[in-house]
Amino acid sequence: MKYFGTAYLGNIDAYDMKKLSIYNDPYEALTMANSEWDSDPEKQIARLLIVLRKGETPKESVNEDKAYFQFTDSQACKQFVESKKEIVWSRPENQKWNGNSKLMR
């Protein structure tokens, strides 16, 4: 599997994986998304992030290909990664949110 992380742009297919860095681990992709958020001074509030996963071949495709995250701050995201908390994967039509914030349900 390959993983891509970025800021959450909404429940649409707005994520161009060709423009995102590729990672072999979902926690690395989440760390990159968190760093991307940290680099924007306008976004130093609760954060919404997403990690996308894609199989190497069509045979490896998965039904639940997105992990949605919401954190109160950067440190909460870092703690999630450090503890390797289980990631819940879901589909856009039935988003299941990971993280310590409850803004999105």
PDB file of N, CA and C in Angstrom:
ATOM      1  N   MET A   1       0.830  -1.187   0.000  1.00  0.00           N
ATOM      2  CA  MET A   1       0.000   0.000   0.000  1.00  0.00           C
ATOM      3  C   MET A   1       0.872   1.246   0.000  1.00  0.00           C
ATOM      4  N   LYS A   2       0.336   2.283  -0.580  1.00  0.00           N
ATOM      5  CA  LYS A   2       0.959   3.606  -0.566  1.00  0.00           C
ATOM      6  C   LYS A   2       0.016   4.559   0.139  1.00  0.00           C
ATOM      7  N   TYR A   3       0.577   5.540   0.853  1.00  0.00           N
ATOM      8  CA  TYR A   3      -0.220   6.467   1.653  1.00  0.00           C
ATOM      9  C   TYR A   3       0.139   7.904   1.310  1.00  0.00           C
ATOM     10  N   PHE A   4      -0.860   8.770   1.379  1.00  0.00           N
ATOM     11  CA  PHE A   4      -0.712  10.187   1.060  1.00  0.00           C
ATOM     12  C   PHE A   4      -1.428  10.974   2.147  1.00  0.00           C
ATOM     13  N   GLY A   5      -0.809  12.024   2.677  1.00  0.00           N
ATOM     14  CA  GLY A   5      -1.446  12.822   3.712  1.00  0.00           C
ATOM     15  C   GLY A   5      -1.537  14.282   3.316  1.00  0.00           C
ATOM     16  N   THR A   6      -2.618  14.933   3.749  1.00  0.00           N
ATOM     17  CA  THR A   6      -2.808  16.352   3.452  1.00  0.00           C
ATOM     18  C   THR A   6      -3.888  16.920   4.367  1.00  0.00           C
ATOM     19  N   ALA A   7      -4.098  18.210   4.272  1.00  0.00           N
ATOM     20  CA  ALA A   7      -5.193  18.856   4.988  1.00  0.00           C
ATOM     21  C   ALA A   7      -6.513  18.384   4.377  1.00  0.00           C
ATOM     22  N   TYR A   8      -7.515  18.264   5.204  1.00  0.00           N
ATOM     23  CA  TYR A   8      -8.845  17.855   4.749  1.00  0.00           C
ATOM     24  C   TYR A   8      -9.453  18.980   3.921  1.00  0.00           C
ATOM     25  N   LEU A   9      -9.895  18.653   2.714  1.00  0.00           N
ATOM     26  CA  LEU A   9     -10.460  19.647   1.797  1.00  0.00           C
ATOM     27  C   LEU A   9     -11.960  19.480   1.609  1.00  0.00           C
ATOM     28  N   GLY A  10     -12.557  18.611   2.388  1.00  0.00           N
ATOM     29  CA  GLY A  10     -13.986  18.365   2.253  1.00  0.00           C
ATOM     30  C   GLY A  10     -14.258  16.964   1.776  1.00  0.00           C
ATOM     31  N   ASN A  11     -15.507  16.616   1.763  1.00  0.00           N
ATOM     32  CA  ASN A  11     -15.938  15.275   1.407  1.00  0.00           C
ATOM     33  C   ASN A  11     -16.170  15.177  -0.098  1.00  0.00           C
ATOM     34  N   ILE A  12     -15.120  15.444  -0.832  1.00  0.00           N
ATOM     35  CA  ILE A  12     -15.178  15.402  -2.289  1.00  0.00           C
ATOM     36  C   ILE A  12     -13.903  14.763  -2.810  1.00  0.00           C
ATOM     37  N   ASP A  13     -13.862  14.467  -4.053  1.00  0.00           N
ATOM     38  CA  ASP A  13     -12.641  13.906  -4.643  1.00  0.00           C
ATOM     39  C   ASP A  13     -11.713  15.025  -5.086  1.00  0.00           C
ATOM     40  N   ALA A  14     -11.264  15.822  -4.123  1.00  0.00           N
ATOM     41  CA  ALA A  14     -10.407  16.968  -4.420  1.00  0.00           C
ATOM     42  C   ALA A  14      -8.936  16.655  -4.190  1.00  0.00           C
ATOM     43  N   TYR A  15      -8.609  15.414  -3.995  1.00  0.00           N
ATOM     44  CA  TYR A  15      -7.256  15.036  -3.630  1.00  0.00           C
ATOM     45  C   TYR A  15      -6.536  14.446  -4.831  1.00  0.00           C
ATOM     46  N   ASP A  16      -5.572  15.188  -5.355  1.00  0.00           N
ATOM     47  CA  ASP A  16      -4.786  14.738  -6.501  1.00  0.00           C
ATOM     48  C   ASP A  16      -3.529  14.058  -5.966  1.00  0.00           C
ATOM     49  N   MET A  17      -3.551  12.739  -5.937  1.00  0.00           N
ATOM     50  CA  MET A  17      -2.433  11.988  -5.374  1.00  0.00           C
ATOM     51  C   MET A  17      -1.134  12.221  -6.137  1.00  0.00           C
ATOM     52  N   LYS A  18      -1.219  12.650  -7.374  1.00  0.00           N
ATOM     53  CA  LYS A  18      -0.013  12.918  -8.153  1.00  0.00           C
ATOM     54  C   LYS A  18       0.756  14.111  -7.589  1.00  0.00           C
ATOM     55  N   LYS A  19       0.070  14.976  -6.838  1.00  0.00           N
ATOM     56  CA  LYS A  19       0.703  16.164  -6.277  1.00  0.00           C
ATOM     57  C   LYS A  19       1.128  15.970  -4.820  1.00  0.00           C
ATOM     58  N   LEU A  20       0.842  14.810  -4.256  1.00  0.00           N
ATOM     59  CA  LEU A  20       1.160  14.542  -2.856  1.00  0.00           C
ATOM     60  C   LEU A  20       2.349  13.600  -2.741  1.00  0.00           C
ATOM     61  N   SER A  21       3.105  13.753  -1.672  1.00  0.00           N
ATOM     62  CA  SER A  21       4.223  12.849  -1.412  1.00  0.00           C
ATOM     63  C   SER A  21       3.692  11.469  -1.044  1.00  0.00           C
ATOM     64  N   ILE A  22       4.436  10.447  -1.440  1.00  0.00           N
ATOM     65  CA  ILE A  22       4.050   9.058  -1.202  1.00  0.00           C
ATOM     66  C   ILE A  22       4.808   8.530   0.008  1.00  0.00           C
ATOM     67  N   TYR A  23       4.080   7.786   0.864  1.00  0.00           N
ATOM     68  CA  TYR A  23       4.687   7.171   2.039  1.00  0.00           C
ATOM     69  C   TYR A  23       4.287   5.700   2.088  1.00  0.00           C
ATOM     70  N   ASN A  24       5.136   4.897   2.723  1.00  0.00           N
ATOM     71  CA  ASN A  24       4.846   3.475   2.880  1.00  0.00           C
ATOM     72  C   ASN A  24       4.105   3.180   4.179  1.00  0.00           C
ATOM     73  N   ASP A  25       3.931   4.197   5.008  1.00  0.00           N
ATOM     74  CA  ASP A  25       3.317   4.034   6.317  1.00  0.00           C
ATOM     75  C   ASP A  25       2.274   5.137   6.531  1.00  0.00           C
ATOM     76  N   PRO A  26       1.073   4.803   6.997  1.00  0.00           N
ATOM     77  CA  PRO A  26       0.048   5.837   7.166  1.00  0.00           C
ATOM     78  C   PRO A  26       0.411   6.866   8.236  1.00  0.00           C
ATOM     79  N   TYR A  27       1.190   6.463   9.235  1.00  0.00           N
ATOM     80  CA  TYR A  27       1.579   7.401  10.292  1.00  0.00           C
ATOM     81  C   TYR A  27       2.576   8.438   9.755  1.00  0.00           C
ATOM     82  N   GLU A  28       3.414   8.039   8.817  1.00  0.00           N
ATOM     83  CA  GLU A  28       4.321   8.994   8.167  1.00  0.00           C
ATOM     84  C   GLU A  28       3.512  10.004   7.356  1.00  0.00           C
ATOM     85  N   ALA A  29       2.495   9.522   6.656  1.00  0.00           N
ATOM     86  CA  ALA A  29       1.646  10.420   5.867  1.00  0.00           C
ATOM     87  C   ALA A  29       0.895  11.387   6.784  1.00  0.00           C
ATOM     88  N   LEU A  30       0.434  10.897   7.929  1.00  0.00           N
ATOM     89  CA  LEU A  30      -0.261  11.760   8.889  1.00  0.00           C
ATOM     90  C   LEU A  30       0.699  12.797   9.476  1.00  0.00           C
ATOM     91  N   THR A  31       1.915  12.404   9.767  1.00  0.00           N
ATOM     92  CA  THR A  31       2.922  13.339  10.278  1.00  0.00           C
ATOM     93  C   THR A  31       3.189  14.446   9.263  1.00  0.00           C
ATOM     94  N   MET A  32       3.272  14.091   7.984  1.00  0.00           N
ATOM     95  CA  MET A  32       3.485  15.087   6.935  1.00  0.00           C
ATOM     96  C   MET A  32       2.300  16.037   6.855  1.00  0.00           C
ATOM     97  N   ALA A  33       1.081  15.510   6.938  1.00  0.00           N
ATOM     98  CA  ALA A  33      -0.110  16.362   6.882  1.00  0.00           C
ATOM     99  C   ALA A  33      -0.126  17.329   8.061  1.00  0.00           C
ATOM    100  N   ASN A  34       0.258  16.847   9.230  1.00  0.00           N
ATOM    101  CA  ASN A  34       0.311  17.698  10.422  1.00  0.00           C
ATOM    102  C   ASN A  34       1.362  18.796  10.251  1.00  0.00           C
ATOM    103  N   SER A  35       2.514  18.455   9.700  1.00  0.00           N
ATOM    104  CA  SER A  35       3.573  19.446   9.450  1.00  0.00           C
ATOM    105  C   SER A  35       3.133  20.488   8.432  1.00  0.00           C
ATOM    106  N   GLU A  36       2.420  20.022   7.405  1.00  0.00           N
ATOM    107  CA  GLU A  36       1.892  20.941   6.388  1.00  0.00           C
ATOM    108  C   GLU A  36       0.955  21.954   7.055  1.00  0.00           C
ATOM    109  N   TRP A  37       0.107  21.479   7.953  1.00  0.00           N
ATOM    110  CA  TRP A  37      -0.822  22.348   8.671  1.00  0.00           C
ATOM    111  C   TRP A  37      -0.052  23.330   9.547  1.00  0.00           C
ATOM    112  N   ASP A  38       0.978  22.829  10.243  1.00  0.00           N
ATOM    113  CA  ASP A  38       1.785  23.676  11.124  1.00  0.00           C
ATOM    114  C   ASP A  38       2.488  24.805  10.369  1.00  0.00           C
ATOM    115  N   SER A  39       2.804  24.576   9.108  1.00  0.00           N
ATOM    116  CA  SER A  39       3.547  25.570   8.338  1.00  0.00           C
ATOM    117  C   SER A  39       2.697  26.761   7.907  1.00  0.00           C
ATOM    118  N   ASP A  40       1.388  26.678   8.099  1.00  0.00           N
ATOM    119  CA  ASP A  40       0.486  27.767   7.726  1.00  0.00           C
ATOM    120  C   ASP A  40       0.019  28.496   8.983  1.00  0.00           C
ATOM    121  N   PRO A  41       0.522  29.712   9.237  1.00  0.00           N
ATOM    122  CA  PRO A  41       0.168  30.426  10.468  1.00  0.00           C
ATOM    123  C   PRO A  41      -1.326  30.726  10.598  1.00  0.00           C
ATOM    124  N   GLU A  42      -2.062  30.705   9.522  1.00  0.00           N
ATOM    125  CA  GLU A  42      -3.496  30.935   9.568  1.00  0.00           C
ATOM    126  C   GLU A  42      -4.258  29.729  10.112  1.00  0.00           C
ATOM    127  N   LYS A  43      -3.594  28.591  10.175  1.00  0.00           N
ATOM    128  CA  LYS A  43      -4.274  27.351  10.555  1.00  0.00           C
ATOM    129  C   LYS A  43      -3.843  26.842  11.934  1.00  0.00           C
ATOM    130  N   GLN A  44      -3.500  27.694  12.861  1.00  0.00           N
ATOM    131  CA  GLN A  44      -3.073  27.229  14.175  1.00  0.00           C
ATOM    132  C   GLN A  44      -4.269  27.037  15.106  1.00  0.00           C
ATOM    133  N   ILE A  45      -5.252  26.366  14.604  1.00  0.00           N
ATOM    134  CA  ILE A  45      -6.466  26.040  15.351  1.00  0.00           C
ATOM    135  C   ILE A  45      -6.673  24.537  15.254  1.00  0.00           C
ATOM    136  N   ALA A  46      -7.761  24.060  15.755  1.00  0.00           N
ATOM    137  CA  ALA A  46      -8.060  22.630  15.607  1.00  0.00           C
ATOM    138  C   ALA A  46      -7.906  22.243  14.144  1.00  0.00           C
ATOM    139  N   ARG A  47      -7.377  21.072  13.921  1.00  0.00           N
ATOM    140  CA  ARG A  47      -7.044  20.707  12.545  1.00  0.00           C
ATOM    141  C   ARG A  47      -7.827  19.507  12.044  1.00  0.00           C
ATOM    142  N   LEU A  48      -8.112  19.539  10.751  1.00  0.00           N
ATOM    143  CA  LEU A  48      -8.764  18.437  10.055  1.00  0.00           C
ATOM    144  C   LEU A  48      -7.787  17.948   8.989  1.00  0.00           C
ATOM    145  N   LEU A  49      -7.445  16.667   9.045  1.00  0.00           N
ATOM    146  CA  LEU A  49      -6.465  16.080   8.141  1.00  0.00           C
ATOM    147  C   LEU A  49      -7.043  14.812   7.528  1.00  0.00           C
ATOM    148  N   ILE A  50      -6.414  14.359   6.458  1.00  0.00           N
ATOM    149  CA  ILE A  50      -6.853  13.122   5.809  1.00  0.00           C
ATOM    150  C   ILE A  50      -5.626  12.348   5.337  1.00  0.00           C
ATOM    151  N   VAL A  51      -5.707  11.022   5.421  1.00  0.00           N
ATOM    152  CA  VAL A  51      -4.698  10.140   4.849  1.00  0.00           C
ATOM    153  C   VAL A  51      -5.430   9.255   3.850  1.00  0.00           C
ATOM    154  N   LEU A  52      -4.889   9.193   2.644  1.00  0.00           N
ATOM    155  CA  LEU A  52      -5.455   8.374   1.569  1.00  0.00           C
ATOM    156  C   LEU A  52      -4.566   7.154   1.386  1.00  0.00           C
ATOM    157  N   ARG A  53      -5.153   6.039   1.043  1.00  0.00           N
ATOM    158  CA  ARG A  53      -4.337   4.858   0.758  1.00  0.00           C
ATOM    159  C   ARG A  53      -4.739   4.274  -0.584  1.00  0.00           C
ATOM    160  N   LYS A  54      -3.743   3.700  -1.241  1.00  0.00           N
ATOM    161  CA  LYS A  54      -3.956   3.160  -2.577  1.00  0.00           C
ATOM    162  C   LYS A  54      -3.088   1.930  -2.737  1.00  0.00           C
ATOM    163  N   GLY A  55      -3.674   0.871  -3.254  1.00  0.00           N
ATOM    164  CA  GLY A  55      -2.918  -0.346  -3.531  1.00  0.00           C
ATOM    165  C   GLY A  55      -1.990  -0.147  -4.712  1.00  0.00           C
ATOM    166  N   GLU A  56      -0.986  -0.991  -4.783  1.00  0.00           N
ATOM    167  CA  GLU A  56      -0.027  -0.931  -5.898  1.00  0.00           C
ATOM    168  C   GLU A  56      -0.677  -1.335  -7.216  1.00  0.00           C
ATOM    169  N   THR A  57      -1.652  -2.224  -7.124  1.00  0.00           N
ATOM    170  CA  THR A  57      -2.329  -2.723  -8.325  1.00  0.00           C
ATOM    171  C   THR A  57      -3.840  -2.657  -8.099  1.00  0.00           C
ATOM    172  N   PRO A  58      -4.626  -2.703  -9.162  1.00  0.00           N
ATOM    173  CA  PRO A  58      -6.085  -2.708  -8.988  1.00  0.00           C
ATOM    174  C   PRO A  58      -6.563  -3.866  -8.109  1.00  0.00           C
ATOM    175  N   LYS A  59      -5.857  -4.981  -8.151  1.00  0.00           N
ATOM    176  CA  LYS A  59      -6.219  -6.139  -7.341  1.00  0.00           C
ATOM    177  C   LYS A  59      -6.108  -5.825  -5.841  1.00  0.00           C
ATOM    178  N   GLU A  60      -5.230  -4.888  -5.490  1.00  0.00           N
ATOM    179  CA  GLU A  60      -5.022  -4.510  -4.093  1.00  0.00           C
ATOM    180  C   GLU A  60      -5.939  -3.380  -3.638  1.00  0.00           C
ATOM    181  N   SER A  61      -6.860  -2.981  -4.481  1.00  0.00           N
ATOM    182  CA  SER A  61      -7.733  -1.875  -4.097  1.00  0.00           C
ATOM    183  C   SER A  61      -8.550  -2.257  -2.865  1.00  0.00           C
ATOM    184  N   VAL A  62      -8.887  -1.241  -2.074  1.00  0.00           N
ATOM    185  CA  VAL A  62      -9.631  -1.476  -0.839  1.00  0.00           C
ATOM    186  C   VAL A  62     -10.923  -0.671  -0.866  1.00  0.00           C
ATOM    187  N   ASN A  63     -11.922  -1.155  -0.157  1.00  0.00           N
ATOM    188  CA  ASN A  63     -13.196  -0.453  -0.108  1.00  0.00           C
ATOM    189  C   ASN A  63     -13.133   0.799   0.750  1.00  0.00           C
ATOM    190  N   GLU A  64     -12.375   0.736   1.814  1.00  0.00           N
ATOM    191  CA  GLU A  64     -12.257   1.882   2.720  1.00  0.00           C
ATOM    192  C   GLU A  64     -10.878   2.483   2.507  1.00  0.00           C
ATOM    193  N   ASP A  65     -10.832   3.575   1.765  1.00  0.00           N
ATOM    194  CA  ASP A  65      -9.556   4.094   1.309  1.00  0.00           C
ATOM    195  C   ASP A  65      -9.146   5.430   1.906  1.00  0.00           C
ATOM    196  N   LYS A  66      -9.908   5.941   2.885  1.00  0.00           N
ATOM    197  CA  LYS A  66      -9.577   7.235   3.482  1.00  0.00           C
ATOM    198  C   LYS A  66      -9.647   7.138   4.996  1.00  0.00           C
ATOM    199  N   ALA A  67      -8.738   7.837   5.653  1.00  0.00           N
ATOM    200  CA  ALA A  67      -8.787   7.952   7.112  1.00  0.00           C
ATOM    201  C   ALA A  67      -8.888   9.440   7.431  1.00  0.00           C
ATOM    202  N   TYR A  68      -9.940   9.805   8.136  1.00  0.00           N
ATOM    203  CA  TYR A  68     -10.216  11.195   8.479  1.00  0.00           C
ATOM    204  C   TYR A  68      -9.748  11.456   9.907  1.00  0.00           C
ATOM    205  N   PHE A  69      -9.090  12.604  10.119  1.00  0.00           N
ATOM    206  CA  PHE A  69      -8.535  12.943  11.420  1.00  0.00           C
ATOM    207  C   PHE A  69      -8.964  14.335  11.838  1.00  0.00           C
ATOM    208  N   GLN A  70      -9.221  14.489  13.129  1.00  0.00           N
ATOM    209  CA  GLN A  70      -9.472  15.803  13.701  1.00  0.00           C
ATOM    210  C   GLN A  70      -8.766  15.850  15.062  1.00  0.00           C
ATOM    211  N   PHE A  71      -7.945  16.868  15.219  1.00  0.00           N
ATOM    212  CA  PHE A  71      -7.168  17.034  16.438  1.00  0.00           C
ATOM    213  C   PHE A  71      -7.361  18.446  16.977  1.00  0.00           C
ATOM    214  N   THR A  72      -7.234  18.581  18.276  1.00  0.00           N
ATOM    215  CA  THR A  72      -7.360  19.897  18.895  1.00  0.00           C
ATOM    216  C   THR A  72      -6.145  20.764  18.601  1.00  0.00           C
ATOM    217  N   ASP A  73      -4.985  20.111  18.385  1.00  0.00           N
ATOM    218  CA  ASP A  73      -3.761  20.858  18.094  1.00  0.00           C
ATOM    219  C   ASP A  73      -2.698  19.916  17.534  1.00  0.00           C
ATOM    220  N   SER A  74      -1.560  20.483  17.193  1.00  0.00           N
ATOM    221  CA  SER A  74      -0.475  19.721  16.599  1.00  0.00           C
ATOM    222  C   SER A  74       0.043  18.632  17.532  1.00  0.00           C
ATOM    223  N   GLN A  75       0.160  18.955  18.814  1.00  0.00           N
ATOM    224  CA  GLN A  75       0.690  17.989  19.781  1.00  0.00           C
ATOM    225  C   GLN A  75      -0.210  16.762  19.891  1.00  0.00           C
ATOM    226  N   ALA A  76      -1.507  16.947  19.832  1.00  0.00           N
ATOM    227  CA  ALA A  76      -2.439  15.816  19.887  1.00  0.00           C
ATOM    228  C   ALA A  76      -2.216  14.873  18.705  1.00  0.00           C
ATOM    229  N   CYS A  77      -1.952  15.430  17.541  1.00  0.00           N
ATOM    230  CA  CYS A  77      -1.661  14.610  16.364  1.00  0.00           C
ATOM    231  C   CYS A  77      -0.354  13.854  16.564  1.00  0.00           C
ATOM    232  N   LYS A  78       0.665  14.538  17.068  1.00  0.00           N
ATOM    233  CA  LYS A  78       1.957  13.887  17.316  1.00  0.00           C
ATOM    234  C   LYS A  78       1.816  12.740  18.308  1.00  0.00           C
ATOM    235  N   GLN A  79       1.012  12.928  19.338  1.00  0.00           N
ATOM    236  CA  GLN A  79       0.794  11.864  20.327  1.00  0.00           C
ATOM    237  C   GLN A  79       0.082  10.669  19.704  1.00  0.00           C
ATOM    238  N   PHE A  80      -0.864  10.931  18.814  1.00  0.00           N
ATOM    239  CA  PHE A  80      -1.578   9.864  18.108  1.00  0.00           C
ATOM    240  C   PHE A  80      -0.574   9.029  17.316  1.00  0.00           C
ATOM    241  N   VAL A  81       0.329   9.711  16.604  1.00  0.00           N
ATOM    242  CA  VAL A  81       1.329   9.025  15.789  1.00  0.00           C
ATOM    243  C   VAL A  81       2.296   8.248  16.673  1.00  0.00           C
ATOM    244  N   GLU A  82       2.804   8.880  17.725  1.00  0.00           N
ATOM    245  CA  GLU A  82       3.781   8.231  18.605  1.00  0.00           C
ATOM    246  C   GLU A  82       3.224   6.976  19.256  1.00  0.00           C
ATOM    247  N   SER A  83       1.955   7.010  19.624  1.00  0.00           N
ATOM    248  CA  SER A  83       1.349   5.849  20.281  1.00  0.00           C
ATOM    249  C   SER A  83       0.848   4.811  19.283  1.00  0.00           C
ATOM    250  N   LYS A  84       0.927   5.156  17.992  1.00  0.00           N
ATOM    251  CA  LYS A  84       0.455   4.264  16.920  1.00  0.00           C
ATOM    252  C   LYS A  84      -0.966   3.782  17.204  1.00  0.00           C
ATOM    253  N   LYS A  85      -1.825   4.729  17.588  1.00  0.00           N
ATOM    254  CA  LYS A  85      -3.225   4.383  17.813  1.00  0.00           C
ATOM    255  C   LYS A  85      -3.808   3.798  16.531  1.00  0.00           C
ATOM    256  N   GLU A  86      -4.755   2.901  16.699  1.00  0.00           N
ATOM    257  CA  GLU A  86      -5.371   2.261  15.541  1.00  0.00           C
ATOM    258  C   GLU A  86      -6.048   3.306  14.655  1.00  0.00           C
ATOM    259  N   ILE A  87      -5.831   3.186  13.363  1.00  0.00           N
ATOM    260  CA  ILE A  87      -6.455   4.077  12.389  1.00  0.00           C
ATOM    261  C   ILE A  87      -7.721   3.411  11.874  1.00  0.00           C
ATOM    262  N   VAL A  88      -8.821   4.148  11.923  1.00  0.00           N
ATOM    263  CA  VAL A  88     -10.092   3.661  11.384  1.00  0.00           C
ATOM    264  C   VAL A  88     -10.234   4.220   9.975  1.00  0.00           C
ATOM    265  N   TRP A  89     -10.359   3.325   8.998  1.00  0.00           N
ATOM    266  CA  TRP A  89     -10.505   3.711   7.592  1.00  0.00           C
ATOM    267  C   TRP A  89     -11.983   3.714   7.236  1.00  0.00           C
ATOM    268  N   SER A  90     -12.364   4.590   6.313  1.00  0.00           N
ATOM    269  CA  SER A  90     -13.775   4.662   5.925  1.00  0.00           C
ATOM    270  C   SER A  90     -13.920   5.203   4.509  1.00  0.00           C
ATOM    271  N   ARG A  91     -15.159   5.337   4.099  1.00  0.00           N
ATOM    272  CA  ARG A  91     -15.498   5.865   2.778  1.00  0.00           C
ATOM    273  C   ARG A  91     -16.045   7.274   2.941  1.00  0.00           C
ATOM    274  N   PRO A  92     -15.990   8.104   1.908  1.00  0.00           N
ATOM    275  CA  PRO A  92     -16.502   9.474   2.003  1.00  0.00           C
ATOM    276  C   PRO A  92     -17.969   9.555   2.417  1.00  0.00           C
ATOM    277  N   GLU A  93     -18.765   8.603   2.007  1.00  0.00           N
ATOM    278  CA  GLU A  93     -20.186   8.660   2.335  1.00  0.00           C
ATOM    279  C   GLU A  93     -20.476   8.248   3.781  1.00  0.00           C
ATOM    280  N   ASN A  94     -19.489   7.703   4.470  1.00  0.00           N
ATOM    281  CA  ASN A  94     -19.672   7.278   5.856  1.00  0.00           C
ATOM    282  C   ASN A  94     -18.392   7.567   6.642  1.00  0.00           C
ATOM    283  N   GLN A  95     -18.056   8.828   6.767  1.00  0.00           N
ATOM    284  CA  GLN A  95     -16.793   9.223   7.391  1.00  0.00           C
ATOM    285  C   GLN A  95     -16.756   8.835   8.868  1.00  0.00           C
ATOM    286  N   LYS A  96     -15.677   8.163   9.237  1.00  0.00           N
ATOM    287  CA  LYS A  96     -15.406   7.839  10.634  1.00  0.00           C
ATOM    288  C   LYS A  96     -14.145   8.613  11.014  1.00  0.00           C
ATOM    289  N   TRP A  97     -14.260   9.449  12.014  1.00  0.00           N
ATOM    290  CA  TRP A  97     -13.174  10.361  12.362  1.00  0.00           C
ATOM    291  C   TRP A  97     -12.274   9.804  13.453  1.00  0.00           C
ATOM    292  N   ASN A  98     -10.966   9.906  13.235  1.00  0.00           N
ATOM    293  CA  ASN A  98      -9.943   9.550  14.200  1.00  0.00           C
ATOM    294  C   ASN A  98      -9.490  10.824  14.912  1.00  0.00           C
ATOM    295  N   GLY A  99      -8.953  10.693  16.110  1.00  0.00           N
ATOM    296  CA  GLY A  99      -8.376  11.840  16.794  1.00  0.00           C
ATOM    297  C   GLY A  99      -9.133  12.232  18.047  1.00  0.00           C
ATOM    298  N   ASN A 100      -8.666  13.294  18.691  1.00  0.00           N
ATOM    299  CA  ASN A 100      -9.200  13.692  20.003  1.00  0.00           C
ATOM    300  C   ASN A 100     -10.224  14.822  19.953  1.00  0.00           C
ATOM    301  N   SER A 101     -10.546  15.318  18.782  1.00  0.00           N
ATOM    302  CA  SER A 101     -11.526  16.393  18.660  1.00  0.00           C
ATOM    303  C   SER A 101     -12.840  15.818  18.138  1.00  0.00           C
ATOM    304  N   LYS A 102     -13.918  16.495  18.408  1.00  0.00           N
ATOM    305  CA  LYS A 102     -15.245  16.015  17.996  1.00  0.00           C
ATOM    306  C   LYS A 102     -16.013  17.056  17.191  1.00  0.00           C
ATOM    307  N   LEU A 103     -15.310  17.906  16.451  1.00  0.00           N
ATOM    308  CA  LEU A 103     -15.978  18.919  15.628  1.00  0.00           C
ATOM    309  C   LEU A 103     -16.824  18.277  14.531  1.00  0.00           C
ATOM    310  N   MET A 104     -16.269  17.261  13.913  1.00  0.00           N
ATOM    311  CA  MET A 104     -16.933  16.559  12.819  1.00  0.00           C
ATOM    312  C   MET A 104     -17.465  15.243  13.377  1.00  0.00           C
ATOM    313  N   ARG A 105     -18.589  14.816  12.901  1.00  0.00           N
ATOM    314  CA  ARG A 105     -19.151  13.534  13.367  1.00  0.00           C
ATOM    315  C   ARG A 105     -19.555  12.708  12.181  1.00  0.00           C
TER     316      ARG A 105
END
